[in-house]
Amino acid sequence: QVQLQESGPDLVKPAQAFVVTCTSSGGSISTRNYYWHWLRQPPGKGLEWMGAMYYDGSTSYPPSLKGRAFIARGASADRFTLDLYSVTPSDTAVYYCAREASTVVGGRRYRYLELWGQGALVTVSS
């Protein structure tokens, strides 16, 4: 059974960068046809999608984060990372990684996030 676990710094100063890592136990990030996502939830707010990486390493990001967020494979086959640059206190959030799956019902394909990590809180503060 595949499980996801996030890890990252607890506290980061404004204007700096940080990396959060997602470790997939029981499965490789390069397993065909999977998308791997990063999302975050600031305190008291809703979930924000930060981007995704396909199993082949291609990535996509929301326009609001382009140029500041980068998703990549980690140092081992079971990891992928999110680098976030030029952080501000508004980047304080619980960061989640997730794996996407899809299913076909009635001829239509539905995509959904089937696996989630427990989240890692990163606080940006001076």
Foldseek 3Di string as FASTA:
>chain_A
DKAKAKDWDAEAEAQAKIKIKIFIPPDFLLPAPKKKFKWWAAPPGDIDTAWIAHSVFDIDGDPVCPPFWDKGADPDRGMIMIMGGRDDQVPFTWMKMFMKDWDADPNDIDIDTDHMHPTDTYGYHD
